[in-house]
Amino acid sequence: MVNKRLVIALDNSKAISSSKFLDEVFASKAKSAGAEVFAVVATVESDSSSDIGVAICTYTEKTKADALILMRQNKSTISRFFLGSVTKYCAIHSPVPVIIVPSTA
């Protein structure tokens, strides 16, 4: 059995609905395929991309996650330059493999 951990960072107001969504959509599909899944919604008290990225990378290391799955947001080049990117930070600094899923929007 492969142990997969999904980690996502969101603000507190979205944590409960996001957790339910992860369990219903992604975790149920992985479980039906025979994988052992542990999905986590991590909340961070910061707006800084690097602070959020540090929190995600630290959590994946602490929990010995097998992989980190993140959704790429469709930000403009200027927004990414000035605001940074959590996905980019995690792709560079994550202690585990990072899977980046393109946004459908």
N, C-alpha and C. Protein backbone atom coordinates (compact mmCIF):
# COMPACT_ATOMS: atom_id res chain seq x y z
N MET A 1 0.83 -1.19 0.00
CA MET A 1 0.00 0.00 0.00
C MET A 1 0.87 1.25 0.00
N VAL A 2 0.60 2.17 -0.85
CA VAL A 2 1.34 3.42 -0.93
C VAL A 2 0.64 4.46 -0.06
N ASN A 3 1.40 5.17 0.75
CA ASN A 3 0.84 6.20 1.62
C ASN A 3 1.00 7.56 0.94
N LYS A 4 -0.09 8.21 0.63
CA LYS A 4 -0.05 9.52 -0.03
C LYS A 4 -0.59 10.57 0.92
N ARG A 5 0.04 11.71 0.94
CA ARG A 5 -0.45 12.83 1.74
C ARG A 5 -0.62 14.03 0.83
N LEU A 6 -1.77 14.64 0.90
CA LEU A 6 -2.06 15.83 0.12
C LEU A 6 -2.08 17.01 1.07
N VAL A 7 -1.38 18.05 0.72
CA VAL A 7 -1.32 19.21 1.60
C VAL A 7 -1.71 20.45 0.80
N ILE A 8 -2.55 21.26 1.38
CA ILE A 8 -2.98 22.49 0.72
C ILE A 8 -3.06 23.60 1.75
N ALA A 9 -2.70 24.80 1.38
CA ALA A 9 -2.76 25.92 2.32
C ALA A 9 -3.86 26.87 1.90
N LEU A 10 -4.72 27.19 2.83
CA LEU A 10 -5.82 28.12 2.58
C LEU A 10 -6.07 28.94 3.82
N ASP A 11 -6.87 29.99 3.69
CA ASP A 11 -7.23 30.74 4.87
C ASP A 11 -8.26 29.95 5.68
N ASN A 12 -8.43 30.33 6.95
CA ASN A 12 -9.29 29.58 7.87
C ASN A 12 -10.72 29.45 7.39
N SER A 13 -11.26 30.46 6.73
CA SER A 13 -12.66 30.43 6.32
C SER A 13 -12.96 29.34 5.30
N LYS A 14 -11.96 28.89 4.58
CA LYS A 14 -12.17 27.87 3.56
C LYS A 14 -11.72 26.48 4.00
N ALA A 15 -11.15 26.36 5.17
CA ALA A 15 -10.55 25.10 5.60
C ALA A 15 -11.54 23.94 5.67
N ILE A 16 -12.69 24.16 6.28
CA ILE A 16 -13.65 23.07 6.46
C ILE A 16 -14.22 22.60 5.13
N SER A 17 -14.66 23.52 4.29
CA SER A 17 -15.22 23.12 3.00
C SER A 17 -14.15 22.50 2.11
N SER A 18 -12.93 22.97 2.21
CA SER A 18 -11.84 22.39 1.41
C SER A 18 -11.51 20.98 1.86
N SER A 19 -11.52 20.76 3.16
CA SER A 19 -11.26 19.43 3.70
C SER A 19 -12.32 18.44 3.22
N LYS A 20 -13.57 18.85 3.28
CA LYS A 20 -14.67 18.00 2.82
C LYS A 20 -14.51 17.71 1.32
N PHE A 21 -14.18 18.73 0.54
CA PHE A 21 -13.98 18.57 -0.90
C PHE A 21 -12.84 17.59 -1.19
N LEU A 22 -11.71 17.75 -0.49
CA LEU A 22 -10.58 16.83 -0.68
C LEU A 22 -10.98 15.39 -0.41
N ASP A 23 -11.70 15.19 0.70
CA ASP A 23 -12.12 13.83 1.06
C ASP A 23 -13.09 13.24 0.04
N GLU A 24 -14.07 14.04 -0.37
CA GLU A 24 -15.10 13.54 -1.29
C GLU A 24 -14.58 13.32 -2.71
N VAL A 25 -13.75 14.21 -3.19
CA VAL A 25 -13.33 14.15 -4.59
C VAL A 25 -12.04 13.37 -4.78
N PHE A 26 -10.96 13.80 -4.13
CA PHE A 26 -9.66 13.20 -4.39
C PHE A 26 -9.38 11.96 -3.55
N ALA A 27 -9.59 12.05 -2.25
CA ALA A 27 -9.27 10.92 -1.37
C ALA A 27 -10.13 9.71 -1.71
N SER A 28 -11.41 9.91 -1.99
CA SER A 28 -12.27 8.77 -2.31
C SER A 28 -11.82 8.07 -3.59
N LYS A 29 -11.38 8.84 -4.58
CA LYS A 29 -10.89 8.23 -5.83
C LYS A 29 -9.61 7.44 -5.58
N ALA A 30 -8.71 8.00 -4.79
CA ALA A 30 -7.45 7.32 -4.49
C ALA A 30 -7.70 6.05 -3.67
N LYS A 31 -8.61 6.14 -2.71
CA LYS A 31 -8.94 4.97 -1.88
C LYS A 31 -9.57 3.87 -2.73
N SER A 32 -10.44 4.24 -3.66
CA SER A 32 -11.07 3.23 -4.52
C SER A 32 -10.05 2.57 -5.44
N ALA A 33 -8.92 3.24 -5.68
CA ALA A 33 -7.85 2.66 -6.49
C ALA A 33 -6.88 1.84 -5.63
N GLY A 34 -7.15 1.76 -4.31
CA GLY A 34 -6.33 0.95 -3.43
C GLY A 34 -5.21 1.68 -2.71
N ALA A 35 -5.16 3.00 -2.83
CA ALA A 35 -4.11 3.78 -2.17
C ALA A 35 -4.55 4.18 -0.77
N GLU A 36 -3.60 4.25 0.14
CA GLU A 36 -3.86 4.77 1.48
C GLU A 36 -3.63 6.28 1.41
N VAL A 37 -4.64 7.06 1.77
CA VAL A 37 -4.59 8.51 1.58
C VAL A 37 -4.82 9.24 2.89
N PHE A 38 -4.06 10.30 3.08
CA PHE A 38 -4.22 11.19 4.23
C PHE A 38 -4.20 12.60 3.69
N ALA A 39 -5.37 13.24 3.60
CA ALA A 39 -5.47 14.60 3.05
C ALA A 39 -5.52 15.61 4.19
N VAL A 40 -4.79 16.71 4.03
CA VAL A 40 -4.68 17.72 5.08
C VAL A 40 -4.94 19.10 4.49
N VAL A 41 -5.69 19.90 5.22
CA VAL A 41 -5.83 21.32 4.88
C VAL A 41 -5.08 22.07 5.96
N ALA A 42 -4.02 22.76 5.57
CA ALA A 42 -3.20 23.52 6.53
C ALA A 42 -3.56 24.99 6.42
N THR A 43 -3.80 25.63 7.56
CA THR A 43 -4.09 27.06 7.55
C THR A 43 -2.86 27.82 8.03
N VAL A 44 -2.67 29.00 7.46
CA VAL A 44 -1.50 29.82 7.76
C VAL A 44 -1.96 31.24 8.03
N GLU A 45 -1.41 31.85 9.07
CA GLU A 45 -1.78 33.23 9.43
C GLU A 45 -0.84 34.23 8.77
N SER A 46 -0.78 34.21 7.45
CA SER A 46 0.10 35.12 6.72
C SER A 46 -0.37 35.26 5.29
N ASP A 47 -0.08 36.40 4.69
CA ASP A 47 -0.39 36.59 3.28
C ASP A 47 0.85 36.43 2.41
N SER A 48 2.00 36.22 3.01
CA SER A 48 3.25 36.12 2.27
C SER A 48 3.39 34.75 1.63
N SER A 49 3.68 34.72 0.34
CA SER A 49 3.87 33.46 -0.37
C SER A 49 4.97 32.62 0.25
N SER A 50 6.07 33.29 0.64
CA SER A 50 7.18 32.52 1.21
C SER A 50 6.82 31.96 2.58
N ASP A 51 6.05 32.72 3.41
CA ASP A 51 5.62 32.19 4.71
C ASP A 51 4.72 30.98 4.54
N ILE A 52 3.80 31.07 3.59
CA ILE A 52 2.89 29.95 3.33
C ILE A 52 3.68 28.77 2.80
N GLY A 53 4.61 29.02 1.88
CA GLY A 53 5.45 27.96 1.34
C GLY A 53 6.29 27.29 2.40
N VAL A 54 6.87 28.08 3.31
CA VAL A 54 7.66 27.52 4.42
C VAL A 54 6.78 26.61 5.27
N ALA A 55 5.56 27.07 5.58
CA ALA A 55 4.65 26.27 6.41
C ALA A 55 4.31 24.95 5.74
N ILE A 56 4.05 24.98 4.45
CA ILE A 56 3.72 23.76 3.72
C ILE A 56 4.91 22.81 3.69
N CYS A 57 6.10 23.33 3.35
CA CYS A 57 7.30 22.48 3.28
C CYS A 57 7.66 21.91 4.64
N THR A 58 7.53 22.71 5.68
CA THR A 58 7.81 22.23 7.04
C THR A 58 6.84 21.12 7.42
N TYR A 59 5.56 21.30 7.10
CA TYR A 59 4.55 20.29 7.43
C TYR A 59 4.80 18.99 6.67
N THR A 60 5.16 19.08 5.39
CA THR A 60 5.42 17.85 4.63
C THR A 60 6.61 17.10 5.19
N GLU A 61 7.62 17.84 5.65
CA GLU A 61 8.79 17.19 6.24
C GLU A 61 8.43 16.56 7.59
N LYS A 62 7.69 17.31 8.41
CA LYS A 62 7.31 16.84 9.75
C LYS A 62 6.45 15.57 9.68
N THR A 63 5.56 15.50 8.71
CA THR A 63 4.65 14.36 8.61
C THR A 63 5.20 13.25 7.71
N LYS A 64 6.41 13.45 7.18
CA LYS A 64 7.03 12.46 6.29
C LYS A 64 6.12 12.13 5.10
N ALA A 65 5.60 13.19 4.49
CA ALA A 65 4.72 13.02 3.33
C ALA A 65 5.47 12.38 2.18
N ASP A 66 4.78 11.60 1.38
CA ASP A 66 5.37 10.97 0.21
C ASP A 66 5.46 11.93 -0.97
N ALA A 67 4.50 12.84 -1.06
CA ALA A 67 4.46 13.81 -2.16
C ALA A 67 3.61 15.00 -1.74
N LEU A 68 3.80 16.09 -2.44
CA LEU A 68 3.04 17.31 -2.21
C LEU A 68 2.33 17.65 -3.52
N ILE A 69 1.01 17.77 -3.46
CA ILE A 69 0.23 18.07 -4.66
C ILE A 69 -0.34 19.47 -4.51
N LEU A 70 -0.02 20.33 -5.47
CA LEU A 70 -0.47 21.72 -5.45
C LEU A 70 -1.14 22.07 -6.76
N MET A 71 -2.12 22.99 -6.70
CA MET A 71 -2.75 23.48 -7.92
C MET A 71 -2.11 24.80 -8.31
N ARG A 72 -1.72 24.90 -9.55
CA ARG A 72 -1.12 26.13 -10.07
C ARG A 72 -2.22 27.15 -10.31
N GLN A 73 -2.02 28.34 -9.78
CA GLN A 73 -2.98 29.43 -9.99
C GLN A 73 -2.61 30.19 -11.25
N ASN A 74 -3.60 30.72 -11.90
CA ASN A 74 -3.37 31.49 -13.13
C ASN A 74 -3.15 32.96 -12.80
N LYS A 75 -1.94 33.28 -12.32
CA LYS A 75 -1.58 34.66 -12.02
C LYS A 75 -0.81 35.25 -13.20
N SER A 76 -0.89 36.55 -13.33
CA SER A 76 -0.11 37.21 -14.37
C SER A 76 1.37 37.18 -13.99
N THR A 77 2.22 37.39 -14.96
CA THR A 77 3.67 37.42 -14.72
C THR A 77 4.03 38.49 -13.70
N ILE A 78 3.39 39.64 -13.80
CA ILE A 78 3.67 40.74 -12.87
C ILE A 78 3.24 40.37 -11.45
N SER A 79 2.08 39.75 -11.31
CA SER A 79 1.61 39.31 -9.98
C SER A 79 2.58 38.32 -9.36
N ARG A 80 3.03 37.35 -10.17
CA ARG A 80 3.98 36.36 -9.64
C ARG A 80 5.28 37.03 -9.22
N PHE A 81 5.74 38.02 -9.99
CA PHE A 81 6.99 38.70 -9.67
C PHE A 81 6.89 39.45 -8.35
N PHE A 82 5.82 40.23 -8.17
CA PHE A 82 5.69 41.05 -6.97
C PHE A 82 5.14 40.28 -5.77
N LEU A 83 4.22 39.39 -6.00
CA LEU A 83 3.58 38.67 -4.90
C LEU A 83 4.23 37.33 -4.61
N GLY A 84 4.97 36.81 -5.55
CA GLY A 84 5.57 35.50 -5.36
C GLY A 84 4.58 34.41 -5.70
N SER A 85 4.97 33.19 -5.48
CA SER A 85 4.12 32.06 -5.79
C SER A 85 4.39 30.95 -4.78
N VAL A 86 3.35 30.51 -4.11
CA VAL A 86 3.48 29.41 -3.16
C VAL A 86 3.93 28.15 -3.90
N THR A 87 3.33 27.91 -5.05
CA THR A 87 3.69 26.73 -5.83
C THR A 87 5.16 26.76 -6.23
N LYS A 88 5.64 27.90 -6.69
CA LYS A 88 7.05 28.04 -7.07
C LYS A 88 7.95 27.81 -5.86
N TYR A 89 7.62 28.43 -4.73
CA TYR A 89 8.42 28.26 -3.52
C TYR A 89 8.51 26.78 -3.14
N CYS A 90 7.36 26.10 -3.12
CA CYS A 90 7.35 24.70 -2.72
C CYS A 90 8.09 23.81 -3.72
N ALA A 91 7.97 24.13 -5.02
CA ALA A 91 8.67 23.34 -6.03
C ALA A 91 10.18 23.42 -5.83
N ILE A 92 10.67 24.56 -5.36
CA ILE A 92 12.11 24.74 -5.15
C ILE A 92 12.57 24.18 -3.80
N HIS A 93 11.78 24.37 -2.75
CA HIS A 93 12.22 24.06 -1.39
C HIS A 93 11.64 22.80 -0.76
N SER A 94 10.69 22.16 -1.39
CA SER A 94 10.04 20.99 -0.78
C SER A 94 11.01 19.84 -0.58
N PRO A 95 10.93 19.18 0.58
CA PRO A 95 11.79 18.02 0.83
C PRO A 95 11.25 16.75 0.16
N VAL A 96 10.07 16.82 -0.44
CA VAL A 96 9.45 15.66 -1.11
C VAL A 96 9.10 16.05 -2.54
N PRO A 97 8.84 15.07 -3.40
CA PRO A 97 8.44 15.40 -4.78
C PRO A 97 7.17 16.25 -4.80
N VAL A 98 7.12 17.20 -5.73
CA VAL A 98 5.97 18.09 -5.86
C VAL A 98 5.26 17.79 -7.18
N ILE A 99 3.95 17.60 -7.11
CA ILE A 99 3.13 17.40 -8.29
C ILE A 99 2.29 18.66 -8.45
N ILE A 100 2.43 19.34 -9.59
CA ILE A 100 1.69 20.58 -9.82
C ILE A 100 0.58 20.30 -10.82
N VAL A 101 -0.66 20.52 -10.37
CA VAL A 101 -1.84 20.29 -11.19
C VAL A 101 -2.28 21.62 -11.77
N PRO A 102 -2.48 21.70 -13.09
CA PRO A 102 -2.92 22.98 -13.66
C PRO A 102 -4.34 23.33 -13.23
N SER A 103 -4.58 24.61 -13.06
CA SER A 103 -5.91 25.09 -12.71
C SER A 103 -6.82 24.97 -13.92
N THR A 104 -8.08 24.66 -13.67
CA THR A 104 -9.03 24.54 -14.79
C THR A 104 -9.68 25.87 -15.11
N ALA A 105 -9.48 26.87 -14.24
CA ALA A 105 -10.12 28.18 -14.46
C ALA A 105 -9.22 29.11 -15.23
